[in-house]
C-alpha cells in the first residue's frame, strides 16, 4: 500500500531527528504543520502518525507508568533511570543523594537533596505525560515505552 506524501514527509523528518540533524522542537513544528493539512484522501494524518518509526523501530518492554512512578517515589535513588537503562544519570542521582545525606549536618546537604528531588520530580512528570515520538517516551536503547 502506498503511503501518502504527508506520512512520507513525517517519516523523513523523523529520520532527520533521529540522526540529530534537526531538534525535537523543529520536528514537532514540521509534524504539526503537515498534520494540520490531512492526507490526500481527506483523512487526518494524526490517525496514521503511529507509523512513524522510533530510532530503533522497536517497542520497549518497559512501561512509562512504571518509570514515572519509580521516579516519583524513588527518584532520588535513580531507580527510574536504572529501570530505563540510563545508568550514568541514575548513578549521578544516587551519588548526589548519598552525598546530600552525608553532608546534611551542614546546610549544603539539604540543598543537594532538594535539588535532586526537584530534578527527579520534573523527570517523572515528563515521563508520565510523554507522548509517542518524544524523547521522554524512549528507553536508553531508543525503543518506544509502553503506555
N, C-alpha and C. Protein backbone atom coordinates (compact mmCIF):
# COMPACT_ATOMS: atom_id res chain seq x y z
N UNK A 1 0.84 -1.17 0.00
CA UNK A 1 0.00 0.00 0.00
C UNK A 1 0.90 1.24 0.00
N UNK A 2 0.61 2.16 -0.87
CA UNK A 2 1.41 3.37 -0.98
C UNK A 2 1.09 4.33 0.16
N UNK A 3 2.11 4.98 0.68
CA UNK A 3 1.94 5.96 1.74
C UNK A 3 1.53 7.29 1.15
N UNK A 4 0.80 8.08 1.93
CA UNK A 4 0.50 9.43 1.48
C UNK A 4 1.79 10.24 1.54
N UNK A 5 1.83 11.30 0.81
CA UNK A 5 3.04 12.13 0.80
C UNK A 5 3.28 12.76 2.17
N UNK A 6 2.19 13.03 2.94
CA UNK A 6 2.34 13.62 4.26
C UNK A 6 3.04 12.66 5.22
N UNK A 7 2.63 11.40 5.19
CA UNK A 7 3.27 10.41 6.07
C UNK A 7 4.73 10.25 5.68
N UNK A 8 5.00 10.22 4.40
CA UNK A 8 6.38 10.10 3.93
C UNK A 8 7.22 11.28 4.40
N UNK A 9 6.63 12.49 4.38
CA UNK A 9 7.35 13.68 4.85
C UNK A 9 7.64 13.58 6.34
N UNK A 10 6.65 13.12 7.12
CA UNK A 10 6.85 12.99 8.56
C UNK A 10 7.94 11.96 8.85
N UNK A 11 7.93 10.85 8.12
CA UNK A 11 8.98 9.84 8.32
C UNK A 11 10.35 10.40 7.96
N UNK A 12 10.40 11.24 6.93
CA UNK A 12 11.66 11.85 6.54
C UNK A 12 12.17 12.77 7.66
N UNK A 13 11.28 13.59 8.22
CA UNK A 13 11.67 14.47 9.32
C UNK A 13 12.06 13.68 10.56
N UNK A 14 11.38 12.56 10.81
CA UNK A 14 11.71 11.71 11.95
C UNK A 14 13.13 11.14 11.78
N UNK A 15 13.47 10.77 10.56
CA UNK A 15 14.82 10.29 10.28
C UNK A 15 15.86 11.37 10.55
N UNK A 16 15.55 12.61 10.16
CA UNK A 16 16.46 13.72 10.42
C UNK A 16 16.60 13.96 11.93
N UNK A 17 15.49 13.82 12.65
CA UNK A 17 15.52 13.97 14.10
C UNK A 17 16.39 12.88 14.73
N UNK A 18 16.19 11.63 14.31
CA UNK A 18 16.96 10.52 14.85
C UNK A 18 18.46 10.66 14.58
N UNK A 19 18.80 11.29 13.47
CA UNK A 19 20.20 11.50 13.13
C UNK A 19 20.79 12.74 13.80
N UNK A 20 19.94 13.51 14.48
CA UNK A 20 20.41 14.70 15.18
C UNK A 20 20.56 15.91 14.29
N UNK A 21 20.01 15.87 13.08
CA UNK A 21 20.14 16.98 12.16
C UNK A 21 19.18 18.11 12.52
N UNK A 22 17.98 17.75 13.00
CA UNK A 22 17.02 18.74 13.46
C UNK A 22 16.68 18.45 14.92
N UNK A 23 16.18 19.47 15.62
CA UNK A 23 15.83 19.30 17.03
C UNK A 23 14.42 18.73 17.16
N UNK A 24 14.10 18.28 18.38
CA UNK A 24 12.75 17.76 18.66
C UNK A 24 11.72 18.85 18.40
N UNK A 25 12.04 20.07 18.76
CA UNK A 25 11.12 21.19 18.57
C UNK A 25 10.86 21.42 17.07
N UNK A 26 11.91 21.39 16.26
CA UNK A 26 11.74 21.56 14.81
C UNK A 26 10.90 20.43 14.23
N UNK A 27 11.15 19.20 14.69
CA UNK A 27 10.37 18.05 14.22
C UNK A 27 8.89 18.24 14.55
N UNK A 28 8.60 18.65 15.80
CA UNK A 28 7.21 18.83 16.22
C UNK A 28 6.51 19.91 15.38
N UNK A 29 7.24 21.00 15.09
CA UNK A 29 6.67 22.07 14.27
C UNK A 29 6.34 21.57 12.87
N UNK A 30 7.28 20.85 12.26
CA UNK A 30 7.06 20.32 10.91
C UNK A 30 5.90 19.32 10.91
N UNK A 31 5.88 18.44 11.92
CA UNK A 31 4.83 17.43 12.01
C UNK A 31 3.47 18.09 12.17
N UNK A 32 3.40 19.12 13.04
CA UNK A 32 2.15 19.82 13.27
C UNK A 32 1.66 20.50 11.99
N UNK A 33 2.58 21.11 11.25
CA UNK A 33 2.20 21.77 10.00
C UNK A 33 1.66 20.76 8.99
N UNK A 34 2.29 19.61 8.91
CA UNK A 34 1.84 18.57 7.97
C UNK A 34 0.51 18.00 8.42
N UNK A 35 0.38 17.74 9.73
CA UNK A 35 -0.84 17.13 10.25
C UNK A 35 -2.06 18.03 10.09
N UNK A 36 -1.85 19.31 10.13
CA UNK A 36 -2.99 20.23 10.03
C UNK A 36 -3.61 20.23 8.63
N UNK A 37 -2.89 19.72 7.65
CA UNK A 37 -3.41 19.68 6.28
C UNK A 37 -4.16 18.40 5.95
N UNK A 38 -3.88 17.28 6.66
CA UNK A 38 -4.52 16.00 6.35
C UNK A 38 -3.91 15.38 5.11
N UNK A 39 -4.27 14.13 4.81
CA UNK A 39 -3.72 13.49 3.61
C UNK A 39 -4.63 13.73 2.41
N UNK A 40 -4.24 13.20 1.27
CA UNK A 40 -4.95 13.47 0.03
C UNK A 40 -6.36 12.90 0.02
N UNK A 41 -6.66 11.92 0.85
CA UNK A 41 -7.97 11.32 0.90
C UNK A 41 -8.87 12.04 1.89
N UNK A 42 -8.36 13.10 2.51
CA UNK A 42 -9.14 13.85 3.48
C UNK A 42 -9.03 13.32 4.90
N UNK A 43 -8.26 12.27 5.10
CA UNK A 43 -8.08 11.72 6.44
C UNK A 43 -7.05 12.53 7.20
N UNK A 44 -7.20 12.58 8.47
CA UNK A 44 -6.24 13.26 9.30
C UNK A 44 -4.97 12.41 9.38
N UNK A 45 -3.84 13.08 9.26
CA UNK A 45 -2.56 12.37 9.34
C UNK A 45 -2.35 11.85 10.75
N UNK A 46 -2.95 12.49 11.75
CA UNK A 46 -2.75 12.04 13.13
C UNK A 46 -3.26 10.62 13.35
N UNK A 47 -4.20 10.16 12.53
CA UNK A 47 -4.70 8.80 12.69
C UNK A 47 -3.68 7.76 12.26
N UNK A 48 -2.71 8.17 11.45
CA UNK A 48 -1.70 7.22 11.00
C UNK A 48 -0.30 7.60 11.46
N UNK A 49 -0.21 8.56 12.41
CA UNK A 49 1.09 9.04 12.85
C UNK A 49 1.87 7.96 13.59
N UNK A 50 1.19 6.97 14.17
CA UNK A 50 1.89 5.91 14.90
C UNK A 50 2.77 5.07 13.99
N UNK A 51 2.66 5.24 12.68
CA UNK A 51 3.52 4.51 11.75
C UNK A 51 4.93 5.10 11.70
N UNK A 52 5.11 6.32 12.23
CA UNK A 52 6.43 6.94 12.22
C UNK A 52 7.33 6.12 13.13
N UNK A 53 8.44 5.61 12.61
CA UNK A 53 9.27 4.70 13.40
C UNK A 53 10.06 5.40 14.49
N UNK A 54 10.43 4.65 15.51
CA UNK A 54 11.32 5.16 16.55
C UNK A 54 12.75 5.04 16.02
N UNK A 55 13.69 5.43 16.87
CA UNK A 55 15.10 5.35 16.46
C UNK A 55 15.48 3.92 16.10
N UNK A 56 14.92 2.95 16.83
CA UNK A 56 15.25 1.55 16.56
C UNK A 56 14.15 0.83 15.82
N UNK A 57 12.94 1.43 15.79
CA UNK A 57 11.81 0.77 15.16
C UNK A 57 11.18 -0.29 16.03
N UNK A 58 11.55 -0.33 17.33
CA UNK A 58 11.05 -1.37 18.23
C UNK A 58 10.33 -0.75 19.42
N UNK A 59 9.49 -1.56 20.04
CA UNK A 59 8.86 -1.17 21.29
C UNK A 59 9.69 -1.69 22.45
N UNK A 60 9.74 -0.93 23.50
CA UNK A 60 10.46 -1.34 24.70
C UNK A 60 9.60 -2.31 25.50
N UNK A 61 10.22 -3.04 26.36
CA UNK A 61 9.47 -3.88 27.30
C UNK A 61 9.18 -3.09 28.57
N UNK A 62 9.65 -1.86 28.63
CA UNK A 62 9.49 -1.01 29.81
C UNK A 62 8.21 -0.19 29.71
N UNK A 63 7.59 0.06 30.85
CA UNK A 63 6.35 0.82 30.92
C UNK A 63 6.62 2.26 31.34
N UNK A 64 5.97 3.21 30.67
CA UNK A 64 6.16 4.61 31.06
C UNK A 64 5.51 4.88 32.42
N UNK A 65 4.41 4.20 32.74
CA UNK A 65 3.75 4.38 34.03
C UNK A 65 4.68 3.90 35.16
N UNK A 66 5.27 2.74 34.98
CA UNK A 66 6.20 2.21 35.99
C UNK A 66 7.38 3.16 36.16
N UNK A 67 7.96 3.61 35.05
CA UNK A 67 9.11 4.51 35.13
C UNK A 67 8.74 5.80 35.84
N UNK A 68 7.58 6.37 35.52
CA UNK A 68 7.14 7.60 36.16
C UNK A 68 6.91 7.44 37.64
N UNK A 69 6.28 6.32 38.02
CA UNK A 69 6.03 6.07 39.45
C UNK A 69 7.32 5.79 40.22
N UNK A 70 8.25 5.06 39.59
CA UNK A 70 9.56 4.85 40.21
C UNK A 70 10.22 6.21 40.47
N UNK A 71 10.10 7.10 39.49
CA UNK A 71 10.69 8.43 39.65
C UNK A 71 10.05 9.23 40.75
N UNK A 72 8.73 9.16 40.86
CA UNK A 72 8.03 9.92 41.91
C UNK A 72 8.37 9.41 43.31
N UNK A 73 8.43 8.09 43.47
CA UNK A 73 8.62 7.53 44.80
C UNK A 73 10.07 7.23 45.17
N UNK A 74 10.90 6.89 44.18
CA UNK A 74 12.28 6.51 44.45
C UNK A 74 13.27 7.28 43.58
N UNK A 75 12.85 8.43 43.07
CA UNK A 75 13.66 9.19 42.12
C UNK A 75 15.02 9.60 42.64
N UNK A 76 15.09 9.95 43.91
CA UNK A 76 16.36 10.40 44.47
C UNK A 76 17.43 9.32 44.41
N UNK A 77 17.00 8.08 44.32
CA UNK A 77 17.95 6.96 44.22
C UNK A 77 18.19 6.55 42.77
N UNK A 78 17.57 7.24 41.83
CA UNK A 78 17.78 6.98 40.40
C UNK A 78 17.11 5.72 39.89
N UNK A 79 16.14 5.19 40.63
CA UNK A 79 15.51 3.92 40.27
C UNK A 79 14.88 3.99 38.88
N UNK A 80 14.20 5.09 38.56
CA UNK A 80 13.54 5.19 37.25
C UNK A 80 14.56 5.20 36.12
N UNK A 81 15.70 5.81 36.33
CA UNK A 81 16.72 5.83 35.28
C UNK A 81 17.43 4.48 35.16
N UNK A 82 17.64 3.79 36.29
CA UNK A 82 18.16 2.42 36.19
C UNK A 82 17.18 1.55 35.42
N UNK A 83 15.90 1.69 35.71
CA UNK A 83 14.85 0.91 35.05
C UNK A 83 14.85 1.14 33.53
N UNK A 84 15.03 2.39 33.12
CA UNK A 84 15.02 2.72 31.68
C UNK A 84 16.36 2.49 31.01
N UNK A 85 17.41 2.21 31.77
CA UNK A 85 18.72 1.92 31.20
C UNK A 85 19.66 3.11 31.15
N UNK A 86 19.28 4.25 31.73
CA UNK A 86 20.15 5.43 31.76
C UNK A 86 21.04 5.33 33.00
N UNK A 87 22.04 4.47 32.94
CA UNK A 87 22.85 4.14 34.11
C UNK A 87 23.67 5.31 34.63
N UNK A 88 24.28 6.09 33.74
CA UNK A 88 25.12 7.21 34.19
C UNK A 88 24.30 8.24 34.95
N UNK A 89 23.13 8.59 34.42
CA UNK A 89 22.28 9.56 35.09
C UNK A 89 21.78 9.00 36.42
N UNK A 90 21.44 7.72 36.45
CA UNK A 90 20.97 7.07 37.67
C UNK A 90 22.05 7.07 38.75
N UNK A 91 23.27 6.74 38.36
CA UNK A 91 24.39 6.72 39.31
C UNK A 91 24.64 8.13 39.85
N UNK A 92 24.55 9.14 38.98
CA UNK A 92 24.74 10.52 39.43
C UNK A 92 23.67 10.90 40.46
N UNK A 93 22.42 10.54 40.20
CA UNK A 93 21.36 10.84 41.17
C UNK A 93 21.59 10.12 42.49
N UNK A 94 21.98 8.88 42.43
CA UNK A 94 22.25 8.10 43.63
C UNK A 94 23.42 8.69 44.43
N UNK A 95 24.50 9.03 43.76
CA UNK A 95 25.68 9.60 44.43
C UNK A 95 25.34 10.95 45.06
N UNK A 96 24.60 11.79 44.32
CA UNK A 96 24.21 13.09 44.88
C UNK A 96 23.33 12.92 46.12
N UNK A 97 22.45 11.94 46.09
CA UNK A 97 21.60 11.69 47.25
C UNK A 97 22.43 11.23 48.44
N UNK A 98 23.37 10.34 48.22
CA UNK A 98 24.24 9.86 49.31
C UNK A 98 25.07 11.01 49.87
N UNK A 99 25.65 11.81 48.98
CA UNK A 99 26.44 12.97 49.42
C UNK A 99 25.55 13.94 50.19
N UNK A 100 24.33 14.13 49.73
CA UNK A 100 23.39 15.00 50.43
C UNK A 100 23.11 14.52 51.83
N UNK A 101 22.87 13.21 51.98
CA UNK A 101 22.62 12.66 53.31
C UNK A 101 23.85 12.77 54.21
N UNK A 102 25.02 12.53 53.64
CA UNK A 102 26.25 12.59 54.44
C UNK A 102 26.60 14.01 54.87
N UNK A 103 26.18 14.98 54.10
CA UNK A 103 26.52 16.38 54.41
C UNK A 103 25.30 17.17 54.89
N UNK A 104 24.26 16.47 55.31
CA UNK A 104 23.05 17.18 55.75
C UNK A 104 23.28 17.97 57.04
N UNK A 105 24.28 17.56 57.81
CA UNK A 105 24.59 18.28 59.05
C UNK A 105 25.03 19.71 58.76
N UNK A 106 25.64 19.90 57.61
CA UNK A 106 25.92 21.26 57.15
C UNK A 106 24.88 21.58 56.09
N UNK A 107 24.61 22.79 55.86
CA UNK A 107 23.48 23.21 55.02
C UNK A 107 23.57 22.70 53.58
N UNK A 108 24.74 22.44 53.08
CA UNK A 108 24.87 22.06 51.67
C UNK A 108 24.15 20.74 51.37
N UNK A 109 24.08 19.85 52.33
CA UNK A 109 23.41 18.57 52.12
C UNK A 109 21.94 18.74 51.81
N UNK A 110 21.28 19.64 52.53
CA UNK A 110 19.86 19.90 52.29
C UNK A 110 19.65 20.49 50.91
N UNK A 111 20.53 21.36 50.50
CA UNK A 111 20.42 21.97 49.16
C UNK A 111 20.57 20.91 48.08
N UNK A 112 21.53 20.02 48.26
CA UNK A 112 21.74 18.94 47.29
C UNK A 112 20.51 18.04 47.21
N UNK A 113 19.97 17.65 48.36
CA UNK A 113 18.80 16.77 48.39
C UNK A 113 17.58 17.44 47.75
N UNK A 114 17.37 18.70 48.05
CA UNK A 114 16.24 19.42 47.44
C UNK A 114 16.43 19.50 45.93
N UNK A 115 17.65 19.77 45.49
CA UNK A 115 17.92 19.83 44.05
C UNK A 115 17.65 18.51 43.34
N UNK A 116 18.09 17.42 43.94
CA UNK A 116 17.85 16.09 43.35
C UNK A 116 16.37 15.78 43.32
N UNK A 117 15.65 16.12 44.38
CA UNK A 117 14.20 15.87 44.43
C UNK A 117 13.47 16.66 43.34
N UNK A 118 13.83 17.91 43.15
CA UNK A 118 13.19 18.71 42.09
C UNK A 118 13.51 18.10 40.73
N UNK A 119 14.77 17.75 40.51
CA UNK A 119 15.20 17.14 39.25
C UNK A 119 14.39 15.88 38.95
N UNK A 120 14.30 14.98 39.92
CA UNK A 120 13.62 13.71 39.67
C UNK A 120 12.10 13.89 39.56
N UNK A 121 11.54 14.86 40.28
CA UNK A 121 10.11 15.13 40.17
C UNK A 121 9.77 15.60 38.76
N UNK A 122 10.57 16.51 38.23
CA UNK A 122 10.33 17.02 36.87
C UNK A 122 10.49 15.89 35.85
N UNK A 123 11.54 15.07 36.01
CA UNK A 123 11.72 13.93 35.10
C UNK A 123 10.52 13.00 35.14
N UNK A 124 10.01 12.74 36.32
CA UNK A 124 8.87 11.83 36.48
C UNK A 124 7.63 12.38 35.77
N UNK A 125 7.37 13.64 35.94
CA UNK A 125 6.21 14.26 35.28
C UNK A 125 6.39 14.24 33.77
N UNK A 126 7.59 14.51 33.30
CA UNK A 126 7.86 14.48 31.86
C UNK A 126 7.64 13.07 31.30
N UNK A 127 8.05 12.06 32.02
CA UNK A 127 7.85 10.67 31.58
C UNK A 127 6.37 10.33 31.57
N UNK A 128 5.67 10.66 32.65
CA UNK A 128 4.25 10.30 32.76
C UNK A 128 3.38 11.02 31.73
N UNK A 129 3.76 12.22 31.33
CA UNK A 129 2.95 12.98 30.36
C UNK A 129 3.48 12.88 28.94
N UNK A 130 4.50 12.06 28.72
CA UNK A 130 5.11 11.96 27.39
C UNK A 130 4.18 11.30 26.38
N UNK A 131 4.40 11.63 25.12
CA UNK A 131 3.67 11.03 24.01
C UNK A 131 4.65 10.31 23.10
N UNK A 132 4.13 9.42 22.32
CA UNK A 132 4.98 8.70 21.37
C UNK A 132 5.75 9.68 20.51
N UNK A 133 7.02 9.38 20.33
CA UNK A 133 7.88 10.22 19.50
C UNK A 133 8.69 11.23 20.28
N UNK A 134 8.35 11.48 21.55
CA UNK A 134 9.12 12.44 22.33
C UNK A 134 10.30 11.74 23.00
N UNK A 135 11.30 12.52 23.35
CA UNK A 135 12.50 11.94 23.98
C UNK A 135 12.19 11.31 25.32
N UNK A 136 11.14 11.74 25.99
CA UNK A 136 10.78 11.20 27.30
C UNK A 136 10.00 9.91 27.19
N UNK A 137 9.65 9.51 25.97
CA UNK A 137 8.88 8.28 25.75
C UNK A 137 9.78 7.16 25.21
N UNK A 138 11.08 7.30 25.42
CA UNK A 138 12.05 6.32 24.93
C UNK A 138 12.89 5.78 26.09
N UNK A 139 13.29 4.50 25.95
CA UNK A 139 14.26 3.98 26.93
C UNK A 139 15.66 4.30 26.42
N UNK A 140 16.68 3.84 27.14
CA UNK A 140 18.06 4.15 26.77
C UNK A 140 18.48 3.58 25.43
N UNK A 141 17.80 2.54 24.98
CA UNK A 141 18.11 1.92 23.69
C UNK A 141 17.40 2.60 22.52
N UNK A 142 16.56 3.60 22.81
CA UNK A 142 15.82 4.30 21.77
C UNK A 142 14.51 3.63 21.41
N UNK A 143 14.06 2.68 22.23
CA UNK A 143 12.80 2.00 21.98
C UNK A 143 11.65 2.75 22.65
N UNK A 144 10.49 2.77 21.99
CA UNK A 144 9.29 3.42 22.49
C UNK A 144 8.78 2.70 23.74
N UNK A 145 8.50 3.47 24.79
CA UNK A 145 7.96 2.89 26.02
C UNK A 145 6.52 2.45 25.81
N UNK A 146 6.10 1.46 26.59
CA UNK A 146 4.72 1.02 26.56
C UNK A 146 3.87 2.00 27.36
N UNK A 147 2.67 2.29 26.89
CA UNK A 147 1.78 3.19 27.62
C UNK A 147 1.04 2.47 28.70
